[in-house]
Amino acid sequence: MNTTNYKIIRLRLEKDRKRLAEQLEQLRASRPTENRREGSPFGKREEEATETAELENRLALEKRLIDQLADVDNALAKFEKGNYGICESCGNPIDIDRLEALPQATLCMSCKAAQSKNAKTKQS
């Protein structure tokens, strides 16, 4: 693989890491406080349902950001170890087009397709 491509991909991963970390920090900083407004008892259940739904959405978003950040950190660690761009399943190089599209990819297209096929078979 061309070292220029590696450098571009690494810079993109570093930029993605910074962006994801900032988003996660902002999300955590904007958590609502535990102080609830006292109001009409008639609207209390609706308020609680809305608050619960908002909390579930926030937690799902936080988990997604944490997972994405872990994937990016894993890819950056592979750069440090010198094994970035190598399929974790078969050990063959991952195609540069795949890495440019998904820099945190851990599997080549063949292994990813096999993994997807196996997942679908298990669901049936």
PDB file of N, CA and C in Angstrom:
ATOM      1  N   MET A   1       0.851  -1.185   0.000  1.00  0.00           N
ATOM      2  CA  MET A   1       0.000   0.000   0.000  1.00  0.00           C
ATOM      3  C   MET A   1       0.888   1.237   0.000  1.00  0.00           C
ATOM      4  N   ASN A   2       0.462   2.243  -0.666  1.00  0.00           N
ATOM      5  CA  ASN A   2       1.152   3.514  -0.747  1.00  0.00           C
ATOM      6  C   ASN A   2       1.169   4.172   0.634  1.00  0.00           C
ATOM      7  N   THR A   3       2.362   4.617   1.082  1.00  0.00           N
ATOM      8  CA  THR A   3       2.459   5.235   2.407  1.00  0.00           C
ATOM      9  C   THR A   3       1.670   6.536   2.487  1.00  0.00           C
ATOM     10  N   THR A   4       1.484   7.213   1.366  1.00  0.00           N
ATOM     11  CA  THR A   4       0.670   8.431   1.365  1.00  0.00           C
ATOM     12  C   THR A   4      -0.758   8.100   1.759  1.00  0.00           C
ATOM     13  N   ASN A   5      -1.284   6.992   1.226  1.00  0.00           N
ATOM     14  CA  ASN A   5      -2.637   6.556   1.592  1.00  0.00           C
ATOM     15  C   ASN A   5      -2.724   6.284   3.090  1.00  0.00           C
ATOM     16  N   TYR A   6      -1.717   5.616   3.635  1.00  0.00           N
ATOM     17  CA  TYR A   6      -1.666   5.341   5.072  1.00  0.00           C
ATOM     18  C   TYR A   6      -1.713   6.638   5.869  1.00  0.00           C
ATOM     19  N   LYS A   7      -0.914   7.616   5.459  1.00  0.00           N
ATOM     20  CA  LYS A   7      -0.865   8.885   6.187  1.00  0.00           C
ATOM     21  C   LYS A   7      -2.212   9.589   6.155  1.00  0.00           C
ATOM     22  N   ILE A   8      -2.849   9.591   5.001  1.00  0.00           N
ATOM     23  CA  ILE A   8      -4.169  10.233   4.867  1.00  0.00           C
ATOM     24  C   ILE A   8      -5.195   9.525   5.745  1.00  0.00           C
ATOM     25  N   ILE A   9      -5.187   8.213   5.724  1.00  0.00           N
ATOM     26  CA  ILE A   9      -6.133   7.437   6.528  1.00  0.00           C
ATOM     27  C   ILE A   9      -5.874   7.673   8.021  1.00  0.00           C
ATOM     28  N   ARG A  10      -4.610   7.693   8.415  1.00  0.00           N
ATOM     29  CA  ARG A  10      -4.290   7.912   9.830  1.00  0.00           C
ATOM     30  C   ARG A  10      -4.744   9.304  10.280  1.00  0.00           C
ATOM     31  N   LEU A  11      -4.503  10.313   9.446  1.00  0.00           N
ATOM     32  CA  LEU A  11      -4.952  11.665   9.789  1.00  0.00           C
ATOM     33  C   LEU A  11      -6.472  11.707   9.932  1.00  0.00           C
ATOM     34  N   ARG A  12      -7.149  11.002   9.036  1.00  0.00           N
ATOM     35  CA  ARG A  12      -8.613  10.950   9.104  1.00  0.00           C
ATOM     36  C   ARG A  12      -9.072  10.271  10.398  1.00  0.00           C
ATOM     37  N   LEU A  13      -8.410   9.183  10.773  1.00  0.00           N
ATOM     38  CA  LEU A  13      -8.752   8.494  12.021  1.00  0.00           C
ATOM     39  C   LEU A  13      -8.520   9.402  13.227  1.00  0.00           C
ATOM     40  N   GLU A  14      -7.411  10.134  13.224  1.00  0.00           N
ATOM     41  CA  GLU A  14      -7.120  11.038  14.331  1.00  0.00           C
ATOM     42  C   GLU A  14      -8.164  12.149  14.419  1.00  0.00           C
ATOM     43  N   LYS A  15      -8.581  12.644  13.266  1.00  0.00           N
ATOM     44  CA  LYS A  15      -9.610  13.675  13.217  1.00  0.00           C
ATOM     45  C   LYS A  15     -10.946  13.110  13.710  1.00  0.00           C
ATOM     46  N   ASP A  16     -11.283  11.888  13.274  1.00  0.00           N
ATOM     47  CA  ASP A  16     -12.511  11.227  13.719  1.00  0.00           C
ATOM     48  C   ASP A  16     -12.486  11.003  15.227  1.00  0.00           C
ATOM     49  N   ARG A  17     -11.333  10.614  15.755  1.00  0.00           N
ATOM     50  CA  ARG A  17     -11.210  10.368  17.195  1.00  0.00           C
ATOM     51  C   ARG A  17     -11.495  11.640  17.978  1.00  0.00           C
ATOM     52  N   LYS A  18     -10.913  12.734  17.526  1.00  0.00           N
ATOM     53  CA  LYS A  18     -11.115  14.021  18.207  1.00  0.00           C
ATOM     54  C   LYS A  18     -12.594  14.421  18.158  1.00  0.00           C
ATOM     55  N   ARG A  19     -13.201  14.273  16.985  1.00  0.00           N
ATOM     56  CA  ARG A  19     -14.612  14.638  16.816  1.00  0.00           C
ATOM     57  C   ARG A  19     -15.512  13.784  17.710  1.00  0.00           C
ATOM     58  N   LEU A  20     -15.287  12.478  17.724  1.00  0.00           N
ATOM     59  CA  LEU A  20     -16.103  11.575  18.537  1.00  0.00           C
ATOM     60  C   LEU A  20     -15.930  11.865  20.025  1.00  0.00           C
ATOM     61  N   ALA A  21     -14.701  12.108  20.453  1.00  0.00           N
ATOM     62  CA  ALA A  21     -14.442  12.416  21.859  1.00  0.00           C
ATOM     63  C   ALA A  21     -15.142  13.712  22.267  1.00  0.00           C
ATOM     64  N   GLU A  22     -15.115  14.705  21.396  1.00  0.00           N
ATOM     65  CA  GLU A  22     -15.796  15.976  21.686  1.00  0.00           C
ATOM     66  C   GLU A  22     -17.309  15.778  21.759  1.00  0.00           C
ATOM     67  N   GLN A  23     -17.868  15.002  20.835  1.00  0.00           N
ATOM     68  CA  GLN A  23     -19.309  14.745  20.853  1.00  0.00           C
ATOM     69  C   GLN A  23     -19.717  14.023  22.136  1.00  0.00           C
ATOM     70  N   LEU A  24     -18.913  13.044  22.543  1.00  0.00           N
ATOM     71  CA  LEU A  24     -19.195  12.287  23.753  1.00  0.00           C
ATOM     72  C   LEU A  24     -19.116  13.206  24.977  1.00  0.00           C
ATOM     73  N   GLU A  25     -18.113  14.044  25.013  1.00  0.00           N
ATOM     74  CA  GLU A  25     -17.955  14.983  26.128  1.00  0.00           C
ATOM     75  C   GLU A  25     -19.141  15.947  26.201  1.00  0.00           C
ATOM     76  N   GLN A  26     -19.556  16.469  25.052  1.00  0.00           N
ATOM     77  CA  GLN A  26     -20.703  17.382  25.015  1.00  0.00           C
ATOM     78  C   GLN A  26     -21.983  16.683  25.462  1.00  0.00           C
ATOM     79  N   LEU A  27     -22.159  15.451  25.016  1.00  0.00           N
ATOM     80  CA  LEU A  27     -23.351  14.695  25.394  1.00  0.00           C
ATOM     81  C   LEU A  27     -23.385  14.481  26.900  1.00  0.00           C
ATOM     82  N   ARG A  28     -22.259  14.097  27.465  1.00  0.00           N
ATOM     83  CA  ARG A  28     -22.190  13.857  28.908  1.00  0.00           C
ATOM     84  C   ARG A  28     -22.361  15.154  29.695  1.00  0.00           C
ATOM     85  N   ALA A  29     -21.833  16.248  29.186  1.00  0.00           N
ATOM     86  CA  ALA A  29     -21.930  17.538  29.875  1.00  0.00           C
ATOM     87  C   ALA A  29     -23.351  18.092  29.846  1.00  0.00           C
ATOM     88  N   SER A  30     -24.131  17.676  28.868  1.00  0.00           N
ATOM     89  CA  SER A  30     -25.486  18.221  28.729  1.00  0.00           C
ATOM     90  C   SER A  30     -26.549  17.317  29.347  1.00  0.00           C
ATOM     91  N   ARG A  31     -26.116  16.370  30.173  1.00  0.00           N
ATOM     92  CA  ARG A  31     -27.101  15.499  30.829  1.00  0.00           C
ATOM     93  C   ARG A  31     -28.031  16.343  31.699  1.00  0.00           C
ATOM     94  N   PRO A  32     -29.306  16.013  31.671  1.00  0.00           N
ATOM     95  CA  PRO A  32     -30.235  16.777  32.504  1.00  0.00           C
ATOM     96  C   PRO A  32     -29.982  16.491  33.985  1.00  0.00           C
ATOM     97  N   THR A  33     -30.252  17.483  34.801  1.00  0.00           N
ATOM     98  CA  THR A  33     -30.077  17.295  36.241  1.00  0.00           C
ATOM     99  C   THR A  33     -31.249  16.485  36.778  1.00  0.00           C
ATOM    100  N   GLU A  34     -31.092  16.014  37.980  1.00  0.00           N
ATOM    101  CA  GLU A  34     -32.132  15.179  38.587  1.00  0.00           C
ATOM    102  C   GLU A  34     -33.305  15.997  39.132  1.00  0.00           C
ATOM    103  N   ASN A  35     -33.166  17.310  39.165  1.00  0.00           N
ATOM    104  CA  ASN A  35     -34.246  18.153  39.686  1.00  0.00           C
ATOM    105  C   ASN A  35     -35.426  18.121  38.730  1.00  0.00           C
ATOM    106  N   ARG A  36     -36.545  17.693  39.246  1.00  0.00           N
ATOM    107  CA  ARG A  36     -37.751  17.639  38.423  1.00  0.00           C
ATOM    108  C   ARG A  36     -38.652  18.801  38.776  1.00  0.00           C
ATOM    109  N   ARG A  37     -39.362  19.251  37.776  1.00  0.00           N
ATOM    110  CA  ARG A  37     -40.298  20.350  38.000  1.00  0.00           C
ATOM    111  C   ARG A  37     -41.561  19.800  38.668  1.00  0.00           C
ATOM    112  N   GLU A  38     -42.053  20.571  39.610  1.00  0.00           N
ATOM    113  CA  GLU A  38     -43.332  20.208  40.220  1.00  0.00           C
ATOM    114  C   GLU A  38     -44.426  20.851  39.389  1.00  0.00           C
ATOM    115  N   GLY A  39     -45.379  20.091  39.026  1.00  0.00           N
ATOM    116  CA  GLY A  39     -46.444  20.627  38.189  1.00  0.00           C
ATOM    117  C   GLY A  39     -47.734  19.893  38.448  1.00  0.00           C
ATOM    118  N   SER A  40     -48.579  19.927  37.505  1.00  0.00           N
ATOM    119  CA  SER A  40     -49.877  19.279  37.611  1.00  0.00           C
ATOM    120  C   SER A  40     -49.693  17.766  37.693  1.00  0.00           C
ATOM    121  N   PRO A  41     -50.409  17.108  38.593  1.00  0.00           N
ATOM    122  CA  PRO A  41     -50.289  15.646  38.698  1.00  0.00           C
ATOM    123  C   PRO A  41     -50.823  14.925  37.465  1.00  0.00           C
ATOM    124  N   PHE A  42     -51.655  15.627  36.678  1.00  0.00           N
ATOM    125  CA  PHE A  42     -52.242  14.993  35.498  1.00  0.00           C
ATOM    126  C   PHE A  42     -51.208  14.756  34.393  1.00  0.00           C
ATOM    127  N   GLY A  43     -50.231  15.641  34.289  1.00  0.00           N
ATOM    128  CA  GLY A  43     -49.238  15.517  33.234  1.00  0.00           C
ATOM    129  C   GLY A  43     -47.985  14.787  33.663  1.00  0.00           C
ATOM    130  N   LYS A  44     -47.931  14.360  34.915  1.00  0.00           N
ATOM    131  CA  LYS A  44     -46.714  13.762  35.468  1.00  0.00           C
ATOM    132  C   LYS A  44     -46.301  12.474  34.734  1.00  0.00           C
ATOM    133  N   ARG A  45     -47.243  11.607  34.464  1.00  0.00           N
ATOM    134  CA  ARG A  45     -46.900  10.344  33.781  1.00  0.00           C
ATOM    135  C   ARG A  45     -46.403  10.596  32.363  1.00  0.00           C
ATOM    136  N   GLU A  46     -47.020  11.525  31.684  1.00  0.00           N
ATOM    137  CA  GLU A  46     -46.569  11.864  30.333  1.00  0.00           C
ATOM    138  C   GLU A  46     -45.170  12.459  30.369  1.00  0.00           C
ATOM    139  N   GLU A  47     -44.917  13.326  31.369  1.00  0.00           N
ATOM    140  CA  GLU A  47     -43.575  13.913  31.517  1.00  0.00           C
ATOM    141  C   GLU A  47     -42.541  12.827  31.781  1.00  0.00           C
ATOM    142  N   GLU A  48     -42.890  11.903  32.686  1.00  0.00           N
ATOM    143  CA  GLU A  48     -41.956  10.822  33.019  1.00  0.00           C
ATOM    144  C   GLU A  48     -41.693   9.933  31.810  1.00  0.00           C
ATOM    145  N   ALA A  49     -42.722   9.663  31.027  1.00  0.00           N
ATOM    146  CA  ALA A  49     -42.550   8.842  29.821  1.00  0.00           C
ATOM    147  C   ALA A  49     -41.639   9.549  28.822  1.00  0.00           C
ATOM    148  N   THR A  50     -41.842  10.847  28.675  1.00  0.00           N
ATOM    149  CA  THR A  50     -41.002  11.629  27.766  1.00  0.00           C
ATOM    150  C   THR A  50     -39.558  11.641  28.254  1.00  0.00           C
ATOM    151  N   GLU A  51     -39.377  11.853  29.563  1.00  0.00           N
ATOM    152  CA  GLU A  51     -38.025  11.869  30.138  1.00  0.00           C
ATOM    153  C   GLU A  51     -37.342  10.516  29.965  1.00  0.00           C
ATOM    154  N   THR A  52     -38.102   9.449  30.152  1.00  0.00           N
ATOM    155  CA  THR A  52     -37.548   8.104  29.992  1.00  0.00           C
ATOM    156  C   THR A  52     -37.122   7.856  28.553  1.00  0.00           C
ATOM    157  N   ALA A  53     -37.966   8.253  27.607  1.00  0.00           N
ATOM    158  CA  ALA A  53     -37.633   8.077  26.188  1.00  0.00           C
ATOM    159  C   ALA A  53     -36.395   8.889  25.819  1.00  0.00           C
ATOM    160  N   GLU A  54     -36.315  10.128  26.325  1.00  0.00           N
ATOM    161  CA  GLU A  54     -35.147  10.968  26.049  1.00  0.00           C
ATOM    162  C   GLU A  54     -33.883  10.350  26.642  1.00  0.00           C
ATOM    163  N   LEU A  55     -33.995   9.812  27.845  1.00  0.00           N
ATOM    164  CA  LEU A  55     -32.842   9.175  28.487  1.00  0.00           C
ATOM    165  C   LEU A  55     -32.392   7.952  27.685  1.00  0.00           C
ATOM    166  N   GLU A  56     -33.335   7.145  27.242  1.00  0.00           N
ATOM    167  CA  GLU A  56     -32.992   5.964  26.437  1.00  0.00           C
ATOM    168  C   GLU A  56     -32.287   6.372  25.143  1.00  0.00           C
ATOM    169  N   ASN A  57     -32.780   7.426  24.496  1.00  0.00           N
ATOM    170  CA  ASN A  57     -32.138   7.913  23.266  1.00  0.00           C
ATOM    171  C   ASN A  57     -30.732   8.420  23.540  1.00  0.00           C
ATOM    172  N   ARG A  58     -30.560   9.147  24.629  1.00  0.00           N
ATOM    173  CA  ARG A  58     -29.241   9.672  24.997  1.00  0.00           C
ATOM    174  C   ARG A  58     -28.264   8.528  25.295  1.00  0.00           C
ATOM    175  N   LEU A  59     -28.738   7.523  26.022  1.00  0.00           N
ATOM    176  CA  LEU A  59     -27.877   6.385  26.354  1.00  0.00           C
ATOM    177  C   LEU A  59     -27.492   5.604  25.105  1.00  0.00           C
ATOM    178  N   ALA A  60     -28.429   5.444  24.177  1.00  0.00           N
ATOM    179  CA  ALA A  60     -28.135   4.741  22.921  1.00  0.00           C
ATOM    180  C   ALA A  60     -27.105   5.528  22.113  1.00  0.00           C
ATOM    181  N   LEU A  61     -27.267   6.847  22.053  1.00  0.00           N
ATOM    182  CA  LEU A  61     -26.309   7.688  21.338  1.00  0.00           C
ATOM    183  C   LEU A  61     -24.941   7.628  22.008  1.00  0.00           C
ATOM    184  N   GLU A  62     -24.926   7.674  23.342  1.00  0.00           N
ATOM    185  CA  GLU A  62     -23.662   7.602  24.075  1.00  0.00           C
ATOM    186  C   GLU A  62     -22.958   6.270  23.805  1.00  0.00           C
ATOM    187  N   LYS A  63     -23.711   5.174  23.810  1.00  0.00           N
ATOM    188  CA  LYS A  63     -23.114   3.861  23.537  1.00  0.00           C
ATOM    189  C   LYS A  63     -22.559   3.797  22.122  1.00  0.00           C
ATOM    190  N   ARG A  64     -23.304   4.350  21.158  1.00  0.00           N
ATOM    191  CA  ARG A  64     -22.843   4.351  19.770  1.00  0.00           C
ATOM    192  C   ARG A  64     -21.545   5.154  19.637  1.00  0.00           C
ATOM    193  N   LEU A  65     -21.468   6.300  20.310  1.00  0.00           N
ATOM    194  CA  LEU A  65     -20.241   7.105  20.269  1.00  0.00           C
ATOM    195  C   LEU A  65     -19.081   6.369  20.921  1.00  0.00           C
ATOM    196  N   ILE A  66     -19.342   5.709  22.046  1.00  0.00           N
ATOM    197  CA  ILE A  66     -18.293   4.952  22.736  1.00  0.00           C
ATOM    198  C   ILE A  66     -17.788   3.817  21.850  1.00  0.00           C
ATOM    199  N   ASP A  67     -18.712   3.109  21.197  1.00  0.00           N
ATOM    200  CA  ASP A  67     -18.321   2.010  20.305  1.00  0.00           C
ATOM    201  C   ASP A  67     -17.500   2.514  19.116  1.00  0.00           C
ATOM    202  N   GLN A  68     -17.938   3.629  18.514  1.00  0.00           N
ATOM    203  CA  GLN A  68     -17.209   4.196  17.379  1.00  0.00           C
ATOM    204  C   GLN A  68     -15.819   4.659  17.811  1.00  0.00           C
ATOM    205  N   LEU A  69     -15.738   5.264  18.983  1.00  0.00           N
ATOM    206  CA  LEU A  69     -14.460   5.725  19.505  1.00  0.00           C
ATOM    207  C   LEU A  69     -13.525   4.540  19.756  1.00  0.00           C
ATOM    208  N   ALA A  70     -14.056   3.448  20.273  1.00  0.00           N
ATOM    209  CA  ALA A  70     -13.249   2.243  20.508  1.00  0.00           C
ATOM    210  C   ALA A  70     -12.721   1.675  19.185  1.00  0.00           C
ATOM    211  N   ASP A  71     -13.560   1.684  18.146  1.00  0.00           N
ATOM    212  CA  ASP A  71     -13.128   1.192  16.828  1.00  0.00           C
ATOM    213  C   ASP A  71     -11.995   2.043  16.264  1.00  0.00           C
ATOM    214  N   VAL A  72     -12.127   3.352  16.410  1.00  0.00           N
ATOM    215  CA  VAL A  72     -11.088   4.268  15.918  1.00  0.00           C
ATOM    216  C   VAL A  72      -9.806   4.085  16.728  1.00  0.00           C
ATOM    217  N   ASP A  73      -9.934   3.967  18.051  1.00  0.00           N
ATOM    218  CA  ASP A  73      -8.755   3.735  18.899  1.00  0.00           C
ATOM    219  C   ASP A  73      -8.056   2.431  18.527  1.00  0.00           C
ATOM    220  N   ASN A  74      -8.842   1.409  18.227  1.00  0.00           N
ATOM    221  CA  ASN A  74      -8.284   0.120  17.820  1.00  0.00           C
ATOM    222  C   ASN A  74      -7.482   0.267  16.523  1.00  0.00           C
ATOM    223  N   ALA A  75      -8.042   0.997  15.566  1.00  0.00           N
ATOM    224  CA  ALA A  75      -7.350   1.210  14.289  1.00  0.00           C
ATOM    225  C   ALA A  75      -6.051   1.991  14.504  1.00  0.00           C
ATOM    226  N   LEU A  76      -6.096   3.031  15.346  1.00  0.00           N
ATOM    227  CA  LEU A  76      -4.885   3.814  15.622  1.00  0.00           C
ATOM    228  C   LEU A  76      -3.833   2.966  16.341  1.00  0.00           C
ATOM    229  N   ALA A  77      -4.272   2.081  17.221  1.00  0.00           N
ATOM    230  CA  ALA A  77      -3.339   1.183  17.908  1.00  0.00           C
ATOM    231  C   ALA A  77      -2.664   0.242  16.916  1.00  0.00           C
ATOM    232  N   LYS A  78      -3.410  -0.183  15.900  1.00  0.00           N
ATOM    233  CA  LYS A  78      -2.835  -1.047  14.864  1.00  0.00           C
ATOM    234  C   LYS A  78      -1.755  -0.298  14.076  1.00  0.00           C
ATOM    235  N   PHE A  79      -1.961   0.998  13.854  1.00  0.00           N
ATOM    236  CA  PHE A  79      -0.917   1.801  13.207  1.00  0.00           C
ATOM    237  C   PHE A  79       0.354   1.751  14.051  1.00  0.00           C
ATOM    238  N   GLU A  80       0.190   1.921  15.363  1.00  0.00           N
ATOM    239  CA  GLU A  80       1.340   1.914  16.271  1.00  0.00           C
ATOM    240  C   GLU A  80       2.063   0.564  16.251  1.00  0.00           C
ATOM    241  N   LYS A  81       1.307  -0.510  16.183  1.00  0.00           N
ATOM    242  CA  LYS A  81       1.879  -1.861  16.189  1.00  0.00           C
ATOM    243  C   LYS A  81       2.416  -2.267  14.820  1.00  0.00           C
ATOM    244  N   GLY A  82       2.016  -1.525  13.784  1.00  0.00           N
ATOM    245  CA  GLY A  82       2.473  -1.844  12.440  1.00  0.00           C
ATOM    246  C   GLY A  82       1.656  -2.902  11.729  1.00  0.00           C
ATOM    247  N   ASN A  83       0.462  -3.199  12.250  1.00  0.00           N
ATOM    248  CA  ASN A  83      -0.372  -4.209  11.587  1.00  0.00           C
ATOM    249  C   ASN A  83      -1.703  -3.641  11.096  1.00  0.00           C
ATOM    250  N   TYR A  84      -1.730  -2.322  10.848  1.00  0.00           N
ATOM    251  CA  TYR A  84      -2.937  -1.708  10.298  1.00  0.00           C
ATOM    252  C   TYR A  84      -3.143  -2.202   8.869  1.00  0.00           C
ATOM    253  N   GLY A  85      -4.400  -2.457   8.514  1.00  0.00           N
ATOM    254  CA  GLY A  85      -4.729  -2.871   7.158  1.00  0.00           C
ATOM    255  C   GLY A  85      -4.609  -4.365   6.926  1.00  0.00           C
ATOM    256  N   ILE A  86      -4.423  -5.121   8.000  1.00  0.00           N
ATOM    257  CA  ILE A  86      -4.334  -6.583   7.907  1.00  0.00           C
ATOM    258  C   ILE A  86      -5.626  -7.175   8.482  1.00  0.00           C
ATOM    259  N   CYS A  87      -6.240  -8.069   7.737  1.00  0.00           N
ATOM    260  CA  CYS A  87      -7.484  -8.707   8.161  1.00  0.00           C
ATOM    261  C   CYS A  87      -7.258  -9.500   9.445  1.00  0.00           C
ATOM    262  N   GLU A  88      -8.113  -9.291  10.431  1.00  0.00           N
ATOM    263  CA  GLU A  88      -7.994 -10.001  11.707  1.00  0.00           C
ATOM    264  C   GLU A  88      -8.397 -11.466  11.595  1.00  0.00           C
ATOM    265  N   SER A  89      -9.069 -11.822  10.523  1.00  0.00           N
ATOM    266  CA  SER A  89      -9.517 -13.197  10.363  1.00  0.00           C
ATOM    267  C   SER A  89      -8.530 -14.041   9.548  1.00  0.00           C
ATOM    268  N   CYS A  90      -8.196 -13.581   8.345  1.00  0.00           N
ATOM    269  CA  CYS A  90      -7.358 -14.396   7.459  1.00  0.00           C
ATOM    270  C   CYS A  90      -5.904 -13.935   7.390  1.00  0.00           C
ATOM    271  N   GLY A  91      -5.624 -12.723   7.865  1.00  0.00           N
ATOM    272  CA  GLY A  91      -4.253 -12.210   7.849  1.00  0.00           C
ATOM    273  C   GLY A  91      -3.818 -11.589   6.530  1.00  0.00           C
ATOM    274  N   ASN A  92      -4.711 -11.539   5.554  1.00  0.00           N
ATOM    275  CA  ASN A  92      -4.386 -10.918   4.270  1.00  0.00           C
ATOM    276  C   ASN A  92      -4.589  -9.403   4.350  1.00  0.00           C
ATOM    277  N   PRO A  93      -3.955  -8.662   3.451  1.00  0.00           N
ATOM    278  CA  PRO A  93      -4.165  -7.204   3.437  1.00  0.00           C
ATOM    279  C   PRO A  93      -5.610  -6.860   3.091  1.00  0.00           C
ATOM    280  N   ILE A  94      -6.119  -5.821   3.750  1.00  0.00           N
ATOM    281  CA  ILE A  94      -7.449  -5.291   3.441  1.00  0.00           C
ATOM    282  C   ILE A  94      -7.284  -4.322   2.283  1.00  0.00           C
ATOM    283  N   ASP A  95      -8.157  -4.422   1.298  1.00  0.00           N
ATOM    284  CA  ASP A  95      -8.089  -3.587   0.105  1.00  0.00           C
ATOM    285  C   ASP A  95      -8.122  -2.103   0.483  1.00  0.00           C
ATOM    286  N   ILE A  96      -7.284  -1.307  -0.167  1.00  0.00           N
ATOM    287  CA  ILE A  96      -7.178   0.124   0.119  1.00  0.00           C
ATOM    288  C   ILE A  96      -8.513   0.841  -0.059  1.00  0.00           C
ATOM    289  N   ASP A  97      -9.319   0.430  -1.036  1.00  0.00           N
ATOM    290  CA  ASP A  97     -10.628   1.061  -1.239  1.00  0.00           C
ATOM    291  C   ASP A  97     -11.523   0.867  -0.014  1.00  0.00           C
ATOM    292  N   ARG A  98     -11.449  -0.311   0.578  1.00  0.00           N
ATOM    293  CA  ARG A  98     -12.237  -0.588   1.796  1.00  0.00           C
ATOM    294  C   ARG A  98     -11.735   0.273   2.953  1.00  0.00           C
ATOM    295  N   LEU A  99     -10.426   0.373   3.103  1.00  0.00           N
ATOM    296  CA  LEU A  99      -9.859   1.175   4.187  1.00  0.00           C
ATOM    297  C   LEU A  99     -10.165   2.659   4.011  1.00  0.00           C
ATOM    298  N   GLU A 100     -10.163   3.123   2.775  1.00  0.00           N
ATOM    299  CA  GLU A 100     -10.506   4.524   2.537  1.00  0.00           C
ATOM    300  C   GLU A 100     -11.977   4.791   2.844  1.00  0.00           C
ATOM    301  N   ALA A 101     -12.833   3.812   2.572  1.00  0.00           N
ATOM    302  CA  ALA A 101     -14.256   3.958   2.851  1.00  0.00           C
ATOM    303  C   ALA A 101     -14.560   3.775   4.340  1.00  0.00           C
ATOM    304  N   LEU A 102     -13.841   2.858   4.979  1.00  0.00           N
ATOM    305  CA  LEU A 102     -14.079   2.532   6.387  1.00  0.00           C
ATOM    306  C   LEU A 102     -12.721   2.315   7.062  1.00  0.00           C
ATOM    307  N   PRO A 103     -12.066   3.390   7.474  1.00  0.00           N
ATOM    308  CA  PRO A 103     -10.695   3.289   8.000  1.00  0.00           C
ATOM    309  C   PRO A 103     -10.548   2.359   9.207  1.00  0.00           C
ATOM    310  N   GLN A 104     -11.622   2.139   9.943  1.00  0.00           N
ATOM    311  CA  GLN A 104     -11.537   1.270  11.110  1.00  0.00           C
ATOM    312  C   GLN A 104     -11.898  -0.183  10.809  1.00  0.00           C
ATOM    313  N   ALA A 105     -11.968  -0.525   9.524  1.00  0.00           N
ATOM    314  CA  ALA A 105     -12.291  -1.905   9.129  1.00  0.00           C
ATOM    315  C   ALA A 105     -11.255  -2.871   9.695  1.00  0.00           C
ATOM    316  N   THR A 106     -11.729  -4.008  10.182  1.00  0.00           N
ATOM    317  CA  THR A 106     -10.835  -5.022  10.741  1.00  0.00           C
ATOM    318  C   THR A 106     -10.813  -6.295   9.901  1.00  0.00           C
ATOM    319  N   LEU A 107     -11.743  -6.385   8.948  1.00  0.00           N
ATOM    320  CA  LEU A 107     -11.832  -7.584   8.116  1.00  0.00           C
ATOM    321  C   LEU A 107     -11.784  -7.204   6.637  1.00  0.00           C
ATOM    322  N   CYS A 108     -11.186  -8.091   5.825  1.00  0.00           N
ATOM    323  CA  CYS A 108     -11.225  -7.899   4.380  1.00  0.00           C
ATOM    324  C   CYS A 108     -12.654  -8.179   3.909  1.00  0.00           C
ATOM    325  N   MET A 109     -12.952  -7.860   2.683  1.00  0.00           N
ATOM    326  CA  MET A 109     -14.312  -8.036   2.167  1.00  0.00           C
ATOM    327  C   MET A 109     -14.754  -9.501   2.184  1.00  0.00           C
ATOM    328  N   SER A 110     -13.850 -10.411   1.874  1.00  0.00           N
ATOM    329  CA  SER A 110     -14.217 -11.834   1.859  1.00  0.00           C
ATOM    330  C   SER A 110     -14.611 -12.310   3.248  1.00  0.00           C
ATOM    331  N   CYS A 111     -13.818 -11.958   4.238  1.00  0.00           N
ATOM    332  CA  CYS A 111     -14.112 -12.382   5.617  1.00  0.00           C
ATOM    333  C   CYS A 111     -15.347 -11.677   6.159  1.00  0.00           C
ATOM    334  N   LYS A 112     -15.536 -10.402   5.799  1.00  0.00           N
ATOM    335  CA  LYS A 112     -16.722  -9.671   6.246  1.00  0.00           C
ATOM    336  C   LYS A 112     -17.973 -10.295   5.631  1.00  0.00           C
ATOM    337  N   ALA A 113     -17.915 -10.656   4.355  1.00  0.00           N
ATOM    338  CA  ALA A 113     -19.055 -11.296   3.695  1.00  0.00           C
ATOM    339  C   ALA A 113     -19.368 -12.631   4.350  1.00  0.00           C
ATOM    340  N   ALA A 114     -18.318 -13.410   4.666  1.00  0.00           N
ATOM    341  CA  ALA A 114     -18.520 -14.699   5.333  1.00  0.00           C
ATOM    342  C   ALA A 114     -19.127 -14.500   6.718  1.00  0.00           C
ATOM    343  N   GLN A 115     -18.667 -13.467   7.431  1.00  0.00           N
ATOM    344  CA  GLN A 115     -19.194 -13.172   8.758  1.00  0.00           C
ATOM    345  C   GLN A 115     -20.682 -12.803   8.672  1.00  0.00           C
ATOM    346  N   SER A 116     -21.030 -11.969   7.713  1.00  0.00           N
ATOM    347  CA  SER A 116     -22.424 -11.561   7.524  1.00  0.00           C
ATOM    348  C   SER A 116     -23.294 -12.756   7.160  1.00  0.00           C
ATOM    349  N   LYS A 117     -22.779 -13.619   6.294  1.00  0.00           N
ATOM    350  CA  LYS A 117     -23.519 -14.811   5.878  1.00  0.00           C
ATOM    351  C   LYS A 117     -23.750 -15.728   7.075  1.00  0.00           C
ATOM    352  N   ASN A 118     -22.725 -15.912   7.904  1.00  0.00           N
ATOM    353  CA  ASN A 118     -22.854 -16.757   9.104  1.00  0.00           C
ATOM    354  C   ASN A 118     -23.854 -16.169  10.086  1.00  0.00           C
ATOM    355  N   ALA A 119     -23.852 -14.853  10.234  1.00  0.00           N
ATOM    356  CA  ALA A 119     -24.802 -14.197  11.139  1.00  0.00           C
ATOM    357  C   ALA A 119     -26.228 -14.408  10.663  1.00  0.00           C
ATOM    358  N   LYS A 120     -26.460 -14.318   9.356  1.00  0.00           N
ATOM    359  CA  LYS A 120     -27.801 -14.512   8.821  1.00  0.00           C
ATOM    360  C   LYS A 120     -28.242 -15.969   8.998  1.00  0.00           C
ATOM    361  N   THR A 121     -27.307 -16.897   8.830  1.00  0.00           N
ATOM    362  CA  THR A 121     -27.643 -18.321   8.991  1.00  0.00           C
ATOM    363  C   THR A 121     -28.042 -18.614  10.433  1.00  0.00           C
ATOM    364  N   LYS A 122     -27.347 -17.999  11.393  1.00  0.00           N
ATOM    365  CA  LYS A 122     -27.660 -18.228  12.803  1.00  0.00           C
ATOM    366  C   LYS A 122     -29.006 -17.641  13.195  1.00  0.00           C
ATOM    367  N   GLN A 123     -29.438 -16.551  12.534  1.00  0.00           N
ATOM    368  CA  GLN A 123     -30.705 -15.926  12.837  1.00  0.00           C
ATOM    369  C   GLN A 123     -31.878 -16.736  12.303  1.00  0.00           C
ATOM    370  N   SER A 124     -31.663 -17.520  11.286  1.00  0.00           N
ATOM    371  CA  SER A 124     -32.758 -18.290  10.651  1.00  0.00           C
ATOM    372  C   SER A 124     -33.190 -19.447  11.500  1.00  0.00           C
TER     373      SER A 124
END
